[in-house]
Amino acid sequence: MTPQSFFAAPGRGCIVPGMPDQNQSALPDFSHLTPDTVLHLVETALGARCTNMCRPLTSYINRVYDVELDNGSWVVVKFYRPNRWSREALLDEQDLLEELRAQEIPVIAPMRGADGEALQEYHGTYFAIFPKRGGRPLDEPNEAQWRELGRLLARVHSVGAAHPPRDRIEIGPRQSAAMHFQFILDADAVPRQLRKNYEEAARGILDLIEPLFDGVEKIRIHGDMHRLNILQRPDEPLALIDFDDMALGPPVQDIWMLLPGHLKHSTPDLNLLLEGYETFRDFDRQTLRLIEPLRAMRFLHFTAWCARQKADGGFARLAPDWGAESFWRREIHDLNQQRQEILDAL
C-alpha cells in the first residue's frame, strides 16, 4: 500500500497516517470507554442530557463517537489516543481552531463545556466534543473550487503565521523525517537482507533534500491537507476538518497533498490554487521545489505509521501482508524512483 492509495479510499473512515506516538512504549487502551461512560462524560461536560444513541465511528488512531443530545442535535466526541500528544499539543490544535473560527474561517471547532474548557480529561485520556456537521468530501475540484481552496488555505496560513505552537512536531528532513526513519529502524521492521538497501535509499533522499529546507518559512499548518479533510455542503463555502496532525511546517505542505499527481503533471490545478491563495497571502514560489521532497518524506511518515500500528496489534486485520519482503522491495524501489523525481525537479 502507498500513501496515495490510502488517501484515495472513500468515506469518513479512511486511514490517514498519523505521527508516531511520542511515548512508543505504551499501547493505547480505550477499554474504559463503554457507551454508558461516553454518554455520562458528554452529559457531564456539556451539562446537557443525552439520549441512548451512541454510535462508534471508524478511527484507527483515536476513538470517535456520534452522540445524540436530548434536544435532537448530534455531537461528535473524540477521545485522543493516549500518549500520542501532550496536553500542550492538544491545546495547540484547539487554539488554532478557535483563532480560525474567530476570523470566520470555516472550520469545526470544539465545544466548550460547562466548566468553560474545550479539552476534557477522563482517567488520563483527553477528549473533546464537536458539533456534528454533515457534508461530503471534496472529490474533483472545478476551477472555481481550486481558487476557493487557495483563498481558504491563505486565510488559514495567515492565522497560522501569527505565533508558533507550544508542542507540535516540526516538518522537515532533520525533524519529522529523521524521527520517522529512526522509528522504522528501531522497530526492526525491515528484513535483515534488505535493511542496508532501505537505509541507503532513505538516507540518500534525506541527505539530498536537507539543504533545500534551510531558511524556509515555517508556520502552523493543517499538516494533513488531503481532500477527505475538506467538507463540501450545498450552498456553503468549503470547510476544513481534522486538525489532528497540525504541525509547524512550510505552507507548501498544505498545498502539494491536494494536487492530483506529481508537480510536473499538476501545473494547471496548481496555478488555479495559487491564484486564489495569492488573493490573501503572498506565496514563496521558490518553495515549490519542496513538493517532491515532501512527498518522499510522506513515504517515511506512512511507513512509520504502519510500523506503529503493526506493533500495537490489530493492524494485521487491515493489511495482513504489510511488512513482507515484497513490500520492502517495492518501498526501496519507490524511494529510489522518488529520488530521481526530486533530481529532475531541481
Protein backbone atom coordinates (compact mmCIF):
# COMPACT_ATOMS: atom_id res chain seq x y z
CA MET A 1 0.00 0.00 0.00
CA THR A 2 1.18 3.52 -0.77
CA PRO A 3 0.25 6.82 0.86
CA GLN A 4 -1.64 7.73 -2.30
CA SER A 5 -3.82 4.60 -2.15
CA PHE A 6 -4.78 5.42 1.43
CA PHE A 7 -5.79 8.95 0.52
CA ALA A 8 -7.92 7.67 -2.35
CA ALA A 9 -10.02 5.49 -0.07
CA PRO A 10 -13.61 6.76 0.11
CA GLY A 11 -15.58 7.66 3.21
CA ARG A 12 -15.02 9.11 6.65
CA GLY A 13 -13.25 6.03 7.97
CA CYS A 14 -10.35 6.07 5.52
CA ILE A 15 -6.95 5.55 7.08
CA VAL A 16 -4.90 8.70 7.28
CA PRO A 17 -1.33 8.38 8.52
CA GLY A 18 -0.66 9.96 11.89
CA MET A 19 2.53 10.85 13.64
CA PRO A 20 4.21 8.07 15.66
CA ASP A 21 3.42 8.16 19.34
CA GLN A 22 5.64 10.34 21.48
CA ASN A 23 5.77 7.53 24.05
CA GLN A 24 6.46 4.48 21.92
CA SER A 25 6.41 2.02 24.82
CA ALA A 26 2.75 2.49 25.75
CA LEU A 27 -0.06 0.76 23.89
CA PRO A 28 -3.37 2.57 23.55
CA ASP A 29 -6.06 1.46 25.99
CA PHE A 30 -9.64 2.54 25.39
CA SER A 31 -11.23 -0.36 27.28
CA HIS A 32 -12.80 2.02 29.83
CA LEU A 33 -14.86 3.76 27.13
CA THR A 34 -18.14 1.87 27.35
CA PRO A 35 -21.24 3.50 25.78
CA ASP A 36 -22.57 4.37 29.24
CA THR A 37 -19.28 6.04 30.11
CA VAL A 38 -19.21 8.03 26.86
CA LEU A 39 -22.78 9.26 27.41
CA HIS A 40 -22.06 10.17 31.02
CA LEU A 41 -18.92 12.12 30.05
CA VAL A 42 -20.77 14.08 27.38
CA GLU A 43 -23.60 14.92 29.78
CA THR A 44 -21.17 15.99 32.49
CA ALA A 45 -19.01 18.07 30.16
CA LEU A 46 -21.86 19.89 28.41
CA GLY A 47 -24.35 19.98 31.25
CA ALA A 48 -26.95 18.57 28.84
CA ARG A 49 -28.93 15.36 28.66
CA CYS A 50 -28.24 12.69 26.04
CA THR A 51 -30.48 10.08 24.55
CA ASN A 52 -29.22 6.49 24.46
CA MET A 53 -27.80 6.93 20.94
CA CYS A 54 -24.03 6.44 21.00
CA ARG A 55 -22.51 5.15 17.75
CA PRO A 56 -18.80 4.42 17.27
CA LEU A 57 -17.16 5.83 14.15
CA THR A 58 -14.19 4.25 12.41
CA SER A 59 -10.85 5.61 13.57
CA TYR A 60 -7.55 3.75 13.81
CA ILE A 61 -5.81 6.46 15.84
CA ASN A 62 -8.44 7.82 18.24
CA ARG A 63 -11.86 6.65 19.42
CA VAL A 64 -14.72 8.69 17.99
CA TYR A 65 -18.45 8.50 18.72
CA ASP A 66 -21.68 10.03 17.42
CA VAL A 67 -23.86 11.03 20.37
CA GLU A 68 -27.42 12.39 20.26
CA LEU A 69 -28.42 15.09 22.70
CA ASP A 70 -31.88 15.24 24.24
CA ASN A 71 -32.78 18.28 22.11
CA GLY A 72 -32.33 16.22 18.92
CA SER A 73 -28.94 17.62 17.90
CA TRP A 74 -25.85 15.46 17.50
CA VAL A 75 -22.27 15.87 18.64
CA VAL A 76 -19.07 14.02 17.81
CA VAL A 77 -16.88 13.17 20.79
CA LYS A 78 -13.24 12.38 20.07
CA PHE A 79 -11.08 10.55 22.62
CA TYR A 80 -7.45 11.15 21.75
CA ARG A 81 -5.11 8.21 21.69
CA PRO A 82 -3.20 8.09 25.00
CA ASN A 83 0.48 9.06 24.85
CA ARG A 84 0.22 10.38 21.29
CA TRP A 85 0.08 14.09 22.06
CA SER A 86 0.87 16.09 25.16
CA ARG A 87 -1.79 18.29 26.74
CA GLU A 88 0.02 21.33 25.34
CA ALA A 89 -0.05 19.84 21.84
CA LEU A 90 -3.80 19.24 22.05
CA LEU A 91 -4.31 22.78 23.27
CA ASP A 92 -2.28 23.95 20.26
CA GLU A 93 -4.86 22.31 18.00
CA GLN A 94 -7.76 23.84 19.88
CA ASP A 95 -6.14 27.28 19.99
CA LEU A 96 -5.69 27.31 16.23
CA LEU A 97 -9.29 26.23 15.65
CA GLU A 98 -10.56 28.97 17.96
CA GLU A 99 -8.41 31.56 16.21
CA LEU A 100 -9.69 30.42 12.82
CA ARG A 101 -13.29 30.49 13.99
CA ALA A 102 -12.80 33.99 15.37
CA GLN A 103 -11.79 35.07 11.87
CA GLU A 104 -14.93 33.41 10.44
CA ILE A 105 -12.86 30.81 8.59
CA PRO A 106 -15.00 27.68 8.04
CA VAL A 107 -13.67 25.06 10.45
CA ILE A 108 -15.35 22.92 13.11
CA ALA A 109 -14.00 23.97 16.48
CA PRO A 110 -14.65 22.01 19.71
CA MET A 111 -17.47 22.99 22.04
CA ARG A 112 -16.67 24.46 25.43
CA GLY A 113 -18.01 22.51 28.38
CA ALA A 114 -19.91 23.76 31.38
CA ASP A 115 -16.53 24.48 33.00
CA GLY A 116 -15.54 26.74 30.11
CA GLU A 117 -12.91 24.30 28.83
CA ALA A 118 -12.86 22.60 25.41
CA LEU A 119 -10.26 19.97 26.33
CA GLN A 120 -11.61 17.42 28.82
CA GLU A 121 -9.90 14.51 30.57
CA TYR A 122 -11.05 11.15 31.88
CA HIS A 123 -8.63 8.74 33.59
CA GLY A 124 -5.68 10.10 31.65
CA THR A 125 -7.49 10.14 28.30
CA TYR A 126 -8.13 13.55 26.77
CA PHE A 127 -11.27 14.18 24.77
CA ALA A 128 -13.13 16.96 23.01
CA ILE A 129 -16.71 17.37 21.80
CA PHE A 130 -17.52 18.84 18.40
CA PRO A 131 -20.83 19.86 16.85
CA LYS A 132 -21.74 17.40 14.12
CA ARG A 133 -21.77 18.78 10.59
CA GLY A 134 -22.97 16.82 7.59
CA GLY A 135 -21.40 17.03 4.16
CA ARG A 136 -19.23 15.05 1.80
CA PRO A 137 -15.52 15.15 1.00
CA LEU A 138 -14.38 17.21 -1.97
CA ASP A 139 -13.69 14.86 -4.87
CA GLU A 140 -12.69 16.61 -8.10
CA PRO A 141 -12.48 20.38 -7.68
CA ASN A 142 -13.60 22.52 -10.59
CA GLU A 143 -11.75 25.73 -11.49
CA ALA A 144 -13.79 27.86 -9.10
CA GLN A 145 -13.22 25.38 -6.25
CA TRP A 146 -9.46 25.31 -6.85
CA ARG A 147 -9.41 29.08 -6.43
CA GLU A 148 -11.67 28.83 -3.38
CA LEU A 149 -9.31 26.27 -1.85
CA GLY A 150 -6.41 28.62 -2.44
CA ARG A 151 -8.17 31.50 -0.73
CA LEU A 152 -9.18 29.26 2.17
CA LEU A 153 -5.62 27.99 2.71
CA ALA A 154 -4.21 31.51 2.54
CA ARG A 155 -6.58 32.66 5.27
CA VAL A 156 -5.68 29.63 7.41
CA HIS A 157 -1.97 30.29 6.93
CA SER A 158 -2.35 33.98 7.77
CA VAL A 159 -3.75 32.94 11.15
CA GLY A 160 -1.20 30.15 11.50
CA ALA A 161 1.66 32.59 10.99
CA ALA A 162 0.57 34.73 13.96
CA HIS A 163 2.59 32.74 16.52
CA PRO A 164 4.31 29.35 16.87
CA PRO A 165 2.75 26.32 18.59
CA ARG A 166 3.87 25.20 22.04
CA ASP A 167 4.44 21.49 21.42
CA ARG A 168 3.85 20.38 17.84
CA ILE A 169 6.07 18.37 15.54
CA GLU A 170 8.15 20.32 13.01
CA ILE A 171 8.01 19.08 9.43
CA GLY A 172 11.46 18.86 7.91
CA PRO A 173 14.20 16.37 6.96
CA ARG A 174 16.12 16.93 10.20
CA GLN A 175 12.97 16.89 12.33
CA SER A 176 9.91 14.80 11.41
CA ALA A 177 11.51 12.74 8.62
CA ALA A 178 14.53 11.82 10.73
CA MET A 179 12.21 10.80 13.58
CA HIS A 180 10.09 8.59 11.29
CA PHE A 181 13.16 6.99 9.73
CA GLN A 182 14.70 6.23 13.11
CA PHE A 183 11.46 4.70 14.34
CA ILE A 184 11.36 2.36 11.33
CA LEU A 185 14.90 1.22 12.08
CA ASP A 186 14.31 0.88 15.84
CA ALA A 187 11.14 -1.14 15.20
CA ASP A 188 13.29 -3.68 13.35
CA ALA A 189 10.60 -3.79 10.67
CA VAL A 190 12.88 -4.11 7.64
CA PRO A 191 14.05 -7.66 6.79
CA ARG A 192 17.73 -8.06 7.56
CA GLN A 193 18.67 -8.85 3.97
CA LEU A 194 17.09 -5.59 2.76
CA ARG A 195 17.94 -3.28 5.63
CA LYS A 196 21.14 -1.91 4.05
CA ASN A 197 19.38 -1.17 0.75
CA TYR A 198 16.50 0.53 2.55
CA GLU A 199 18.79 2.63 4.72
CA GLU A 200 20.81 3.72 1.70
CA ALA A 201 17.66 4.72 -0.21
CA ALA A 202 16.15 6.66 2.69
CA ARG A 203 19.39 8.31 3.83
CA GLY A 204 20.20 9.24 0.25
CA ILE A 205 16.95 11.19 0.00
CA LEU A 206 17.34 12.89 3.40
CA ASP A 207 20.90 13.96 2.59
CA LEU A 208 19.77 15.29 -0.78
CA ILE A 209 16.81 17.34 0.45
CA GLU A 210 18.14 18.64 3.78
CA PRO A 211 19.74 21.82 2.34
CA LEU A 212 16.53 22.67 0.45
CA PHE A 213 14.71 23.45 3.70
CA ASP A 214 17.28 25.93 5.03
CA GLY A 215 15.73 29.32 5.65
CA VAL A 216 12.21 28.24 4.62
CA GLU A 217 9.29 29.89 6.45
CA LYS A 218 7.56 27.53 8.87
CA ILE A 219 4.19 28.33 10.42
CA ARG A 220 1.28 26.49 11.99
CA ILE A 221 -0.34 24.47 9.20
CA HIS A 222 -3.06 21.83 8.92
CA GLY A 223 -0.42 19.20 8.16
CA ASP A 224 -2.69 16.55 6.61
CA MET A 225 -4.43 18.56 3.91
CA HIS A 226 -5.88 15.95 1.58
CA ARG A 227 -9.32 16.17 0.03
CA LEU A 228 -11.03 13.91 2.55
CA ASN A 229 -10.40 16.63 5.12
CA ILE A 230 -12.32 19.20 3.07
CA LEU A 231 -16.05 19.21 3.72
CA GLN A 232 -18.45 20.20 0.97
CA ARG A 233 -22.02 21.30 1.77
CA PRO A 234 -24.66 22.68 -0.63
CA ASP A 235 -24.63 26.48 -0.92
CA GLU A 236 -21.90 26.82 1.72
CA PRO A 237 -18.18 27.55 1.50
CA LEU A 238 -15.73 24.67 1.71
CA ALA A 239 -14.80 23.79 5.32
CA LEU A 240 -11.70 22.18 6.79
CA ILE A 241 -11.85 19.34 9.31
CA ASP A 242 -9.49 17.10 11.29
CA PHE A 243 -6.60 19.22 12.54
CA ASP A 244 -5.14 16.24 14.43
CA ASP A 245 -1.84 16.45 12.55
CA MET A 246 -1.44 20.20 12.84
CA ALA A 247 2.26 20.95 12.64
CA LEU A 248 4.91 23.59 12.32
CA GLY A 249 5.88 23.42 8.68
CA PRO A 250 6.26 25.15 5.31
CA PRO A 251 2.96 26.40 3.82
CA VAL A 252 3.58 24.34 0.67
CA GLN A 253 2.95 21.19 2.75
CA ASP A 254 -0.77 22.06 2.78
CA ILE A 255 -0.73 22.58 -0.98
CA TRP A 256 1.05 19.60 -2.51
CA MET A 257 -1.20 16.98 -0.94
CA LEU A 258 -4.20 18.48 -2.76
CA LEU A 259 -2.63 18.07 -6.18
CA PRO A 260 -3.68 15.11 -8.36
CA GLY A 261 -0.14 13.90 -9.01
CA HIS A 262 3.50 14.90 -9.32
CA LEU A 263 4.20 18.57 -9.78
CA LYS A 264 5.04 18.19 -13.47
CA HIS A 265 1.55 16.76 -14.09
CA SER A 266 -0.37 19.23 -11.91
CA THR A 267 0.55 22.66 -13.26
CA PRO A 268 -2.99 23.79 -14.30
CA ASP A 269 -4.52 22.88 -10.94
CA LEU A 270 -1.58 24.36 -9.02
CA ASN A 271 -1.84 27.63 -10.93
CA LEU A 272 -5.53 27.95 -10.06
CA LEU A 273 -4.82 27.13 -6.41
CA LEU A 274 -2.05 29.72 -6.16
CA GLU A 275 -4.16 32.30 -7.99
CA GLY A 276 -6.70 32.02 -5.19
CA TYR A 277 -4.02 31.81 -2.47
CA GLU A 278 -2.26 34.99 -3.53
CA THR A 279 -5.53 36.91 -3.27
CA PHE A 280 -4.99 36.92 0.52
CA ARG A 281 -1.36 35.98 1.16
CA ASP A 282 1.96 36.03 -0.65
CA PHE A 283 3.32 32.63 -1.58
CA ASP A 284 7.03 31.93 -1.98
CA ARG A 285 7.07 30.08 -5.31
CA GLN A 286 10.65 29.02 -4.66
CA THR A 287 9.22 26.55 -2.13
CA LEU A 288 7.54 24.61 -4.95
CA ARG A 289 10.88 22.81 -5.17
CA LEU A 290 9.96 21.22 -1.81
CA ILE A 291 6.92 19.37 -3.19
CA GLU A 292 8.73 16.23 -4.32
CA PRO A 293 10.97 16.18 -1.19
CA LEU A 294 7.83 16.46 0.96
CA ARG A 295 6.29 13.58 -0.97
CA ALA A 296 9.38 11.47 -0.19
CA MET A 297 9.11 12.42 3.47
CA ARG A 298 5.48 11.29 3.38
CA PHE A 299 6.68 7.83 2.32
CA LEU A 300 8.69 7.64 5.55
CA HIS A 301 5.78 9.08 7.53
CA PHE A 302 3.40 6.47 6.16
CA THR A 303 5.79 3.56 6.71
CA ALA A 304 6.48 4.65 10.29
CA TRP A 305 2.73 4.90 10.91
CA CYS A 306 2.21 1.36 9.60
CA ALA A 307 5.06 0.06 11.75
CA ARG A 308 3.46 1.70 14.80
CA GLN A 309 0.07 0.13 14.07
CA LYS A 310 1.73 -3.25 13.49
CA ALA A 311 3.44 -3.02 16.86
CA ASP A 312 0.14 -2.16 18.53
CA GLY A 313 -1.61 -5.22 17.09
CA GLY A 314 -4.81 -5.33 15.11
CA PHE A 315 -3.28 -3.78 12.01
CA ALA A 316 -2.76 -7.25 10.54
CA ARG A 317 -6.51 -7.49 10.01
CA LEU A 318 -6.28 -4.45 7.77
CA ALA A 319 -3.11 -5.32 5.85
CA PRO A 320 -2.04 -8.91 6.54
CA ASP A 321 0.83 -8.70 4.03
CA TRP A 322 2.26 -5.42 5.25
CA GLY A 323 5.95 -5.71 6.05
CA ALA A 324 6.56 -8.74 3.84
CA GLU A 325 9.77 -8.83 1.83
CA SER A 326 7.84 -7.86 -1.31
CA PHE A 327 6.60 -4.71 0.46
CA TRP A 328 10.10 -3.57 1.34
CA ARG A 329 11.41 -4.26 -2.16
CA ARG A 330 8.64 -2.03 -3.54
CA GLU A 331 9.40 0.57 -0.88
CA ILE A 332 13.08 0.66 -1.82
CA HIS A 333 12.14 0.93 -5.50
CA ASP A 334 9.67 3.75 -4.77
CA LEU A 335 12.21 5.68 -2.69
CA ASN A 336 14.83 5.42 -5.43
CA GLN A 337 12.28 6.46 -8.02
CA GLN A 338 11.20 9.40 -5.88
CA ARG A 339 14.83 10.47 -5.50
CA GLN A 340 15.01 10.71 -9.27
CA GLU A 341 11.80 12.76 -9.31
CA ILE A 342 13.44 15.17 -6.87
CA LEU A 343 16.57 15.45 -9.01
CA ASP A 344 14.52 16.01 -12.15
CA ALA A 345 12.56 18.81 -10.46
CA LEU A 346 15.60 20.70 -9.16
